[in-house]
C-alpha atoms as a PDB file:
ATOM      1  CA  MET A   1     -16.877  47.980  20.604  1.00  0.00           C
ATOM      2  CA  TRP A   2     -16.650  49.190  24.221  1.00  0.00           C
ATOM      3  CA  LYS A   3     -12.837  48.855  24.174  1.00  0.00           C
ATOM      4  CA  SER A   4     -12.672  50.857  20.948  1.00  0.00           C
ATOM      5  CA  LEU A   5     -14.784  53.627  22.448  1.00  0.00           C
ATOM      6  CA  VAL A   6     -12.679  53.750  25.618  1.00  0.00           C
ATOM      7  CA  ALA A   7      -9.529  53.907  23.502  1.00  0.00           C
ATOM      8  CA  ALA A   8     -10.976  56.720  21.385  1.00  0.00           C
ATOM      9  CA  VAL A   9     -11.972  58.713  24.465  1.00  0.00           C
ATOM     10  CA  ALA A  10      -8.520  58.207  25.978  1.00  0.00           C
ATOM     11  CA  LEU A  11      -6.871  59.308  22.742  1.00  0.00           C
ATOM     12  CA  LEU A  12      -8.978  62.463  22.600  1.00  0.00           C
ATOM     13  CA  ALA A  13      -8.198  63.264  26.232  1.00  0.00           C
ATOM     14  CA  ALA A  14      -4.478  62.768  25.648  1.00  0.00           C
ATOM     15  CA  GLY A  15      -4.604  64.997  22.578  1.00  0.00           C
ATOM     16  CA  GLY A  16      -4.541  68.122  24.725  1.00  0.00           C
ATOM     17  CA  SER A  17      -7.983  69.306  23.804  1.00  0.00           C
ATOM     18  CA  SER A  18      -9.146  71.861  26.329  1.00  0.00           C
ATOM     19  CA  TYR A  19     -12.844  71.577  25.486  1.00  0.00           C
ATOM     20  CA  ALA A  20     -14.951  68.466  25.548  1.00  0.00           C
ATOM     21  CA  ALA A  21     -18.533  67.696  26.371  1.00  0.00           C
ATOM     22  CA  SER A  22     -19.110  65.477  29.350  1.00  0.00           C
ATOM     23  CA  ALA A  23     -21.861  63.110  30.400  1.00  0.00           C
ATOM     24  CA  VAL A  24     -22.651  62.018  33.936  1.00  0.00           C
ATOM     25  CA  ASN A  25     -25.014  59.168  34.796  1.00  0.00           C
ATOM     26  CA  LYS A  26     -26.645  59.762  38.179  1.00  0.00           C
ATOM     27  CA  ASP A  27     -28.916  56.728  37.768  1.00  0.00           C
ATOM     28  CA  ALA A  28     -28.405  53.318  39.375  1.00  0.00           C
ATOM     29  CA  GLN A  29     -28.390  51.573  35.979  1.00  0.00           C
ATOM     30  CA  THR A  30     -26.354  51.892  32.791  1.00  0.00           C
ATOM     31  CA  ARG A  31     -27.580  54.495  30.287  1.00  0.00           C
ATOM     32  CA  THR A  32     -26.518  54.741  26.639  1.00  0.00           C
ATOM     33  CA  LEU A  33     -25.984  57.766  24.416  1.00  0.00           C
ATOM     34  CA  VAL A  34     -25.454  57.456  20.660  1.00  0.00           C
ATOM     35  CA  VAL A  35     -22.673  59.806  19.567  1.00  0.00           C
ATOM     36  CA  THR A  36     -22.191  60.836  15.922  1.00  0.00           C
ATOM     37  CA  GLU A  37     -18.883  62.579  15.370  1.00  0.00           C
ATOM     38  CA  GLY A  38     -17.124  63.048  12.060  1.00  0.00           C
ATOM     39  CA  GLY A  39     -19.696  60.882  10.269  1.00  0.00           C
ATOM     40  CA  SER A  40     -19.085  57.941  12.600  1.00  0.00           C
ATOM     41  CA  LYS A  41     -21.703  56.632  15.066  1.00  0.00           C
ATOM     42  CA  SER A  42     -20.852  54.920  18.340  1.00  0.00           C
ATOM     43  CA  ASP A  43     -22.674  53.900  21.495  1.00  0.00           C
ATOM     44  CA  LEU A  44     -21.441  55.507  24.700  1.00  0.00           C
ATOM     45  CA  ALA A  45     -22.564  53.349  27.633  1.00  0.00           C
ATOM     46  CA  LEU A  46     -22.328  55.061  31.011  1.00  0.00           C
ATOM     47  CA  ALA A  47     -22.367  52.838  34.079  1.00  0.00           C
ATOM     48  CA  ALA A  48     -24.140  53.998  37.235  1.00  0.00           C
ATOM     49  CA  GLY A  49     -22.325  57.033  38.650  1.00  0.00           C
ATOM     50  CA  GLU A  50     -19.885  57.251  35.735  1.00  0.00           C
ATOM     51  CA  THR A  51     -18.698  60.516  34.152  1.00  0.00           C
ATOM     52  CA  VAL A  52     -17.134  60.528  30.667  1.00  0.00           C
ATOM     53  CA  GLU A  53     -15.662  63.274  28.483  1.00  0.00           C
ATOM     54  CA  PHE A  54     -16.260  63.042  24.732  1.00  0.00           C
ATOM     55  CA  CYS A  55     -17.040  65.180  21.679  1.00  0.00           C
ATOM     56  CA  SER A  56     -14.031  67.491  21.633  1.00  0.00           C
ATOM     57  CA  SER A  57     -14.844  69.085  18.288  1.00  0.00           C
ATOM     58  CA  GLY A  58     -18.629  69.057  18.079  1.00  0.00           C
ATOM     59  CA  CYS A  59     -20.978  66.157  17.533  1.00  0.00           C
ATOM     60  CA  PHE A  60     -24.563  64.997  17.571  1.00  0.00           C
ATOM     61  CA  VAL A  61     -25.904  62.975  20.489  1.00  0.00           C
ATOM     62  CA  THR A  62     -29.033  60.854  20.617  1.00  0.00           C
ATOM     63  CA  LEU A  63     -30.312  60.949  24.191  1.00  0.00           C
ATOM     64  CA  PRO A  64     -31.960  57.998  25.986  1.00  0.00           C
ATOM     65  CA  ASN A  65     -35.448  59.309  25.048  1.00  0.00           C
ATOM     66  CA  GLY A  66     -34.527  59.453  21.336  1.00  0.00           C
ATOM     67  CA  ASP A  67     -34.029  63.231  21.066  1.00  0.00           C
ATOM     68  CA  LEU A  68     -31.124  64.327  18.852  1.00  0.00           C
ATOM     69  CA  GLU A  69     -29.014  67.240  20.096  1.00  0.00           C
ATOM     70  CA  ALA A  70     -26.044  69.069  18.563  1.00  0.00           C
ATOM     71  CA  LEU A  71     -23.124  69.702  20.916  1.00  0.00           C
ATOM     72  CA  THR A  72     -20.227  72.101  20.467  1.00  0.00           C
ATOM     73  CA  GLY A  73     -18.005  70.339  22.993  1.00  0.00           C
ATOM     74  CA  SER A  74     -18.525  72.511  26.074  1.00  0.00           C
ATOM     75  CA  GLU A  75     -21.797  71.055  27.381  1.00  0.00           C
ATOM     76  CA  THR A  76     -22.524  68.654  30.223  1.00  0.00           C
ATOM     77  CA  ILE A  77     -25.225  66.025  29.828  1.00  0.00           C
ATOM     78  CA  GLU A  78     -26.674  64.940  33.158  1.00  0.00           C
ATOM     79  CA  ILE A  79     -28.761  61.765  33.228  1.00  0.00           C
ATOM     80  CA  SER A  80     -31.080  61.346  36.203  1.00  0.00           C
ATOM     81  CA  GLY A  81     -34.276  59.316  36.448  1.00  0.00           C
ATOM     82  CA  GLY A  82     -33.748  58.142  32.880  1.00  0.00           C
ATOM     83  CA  VAL A  83     -33.978  61.719  31.620  1.00  0.00           C
ATOM     84  CA  ALA A  84     -31.014  63.570  30.077  1.00  0.00           C
ATOM     85  CA  ARG A  85     -30.585  67.315  30.560  1.00  0.00           C
ATOM     86  CA  ILE A  86     -27.999  69.468  28.806  1.00  0.00           C
ATOM     87  CA  LYS A  87     -26.322  72.080  30.968  1.00  0.00           C
END
């Protein structure tokens, strides 16, 4: 599943999209977001210190605490201390 997600993110990045949400994990352990885009759910695991771009055309994200947020594709999710904040 991880390889599929990496491939999907790479494909979206190569598609020339100028807007995408990003997530940065400032914690020392892996954190997972659940991304629902186009009716399809996938887990987005972020290793310690990792930054990933995703959600180029809007999506829903389930944060580590279980909250569900709608993204338009221009936001940054910052995870620190196990807590996710949208900026």
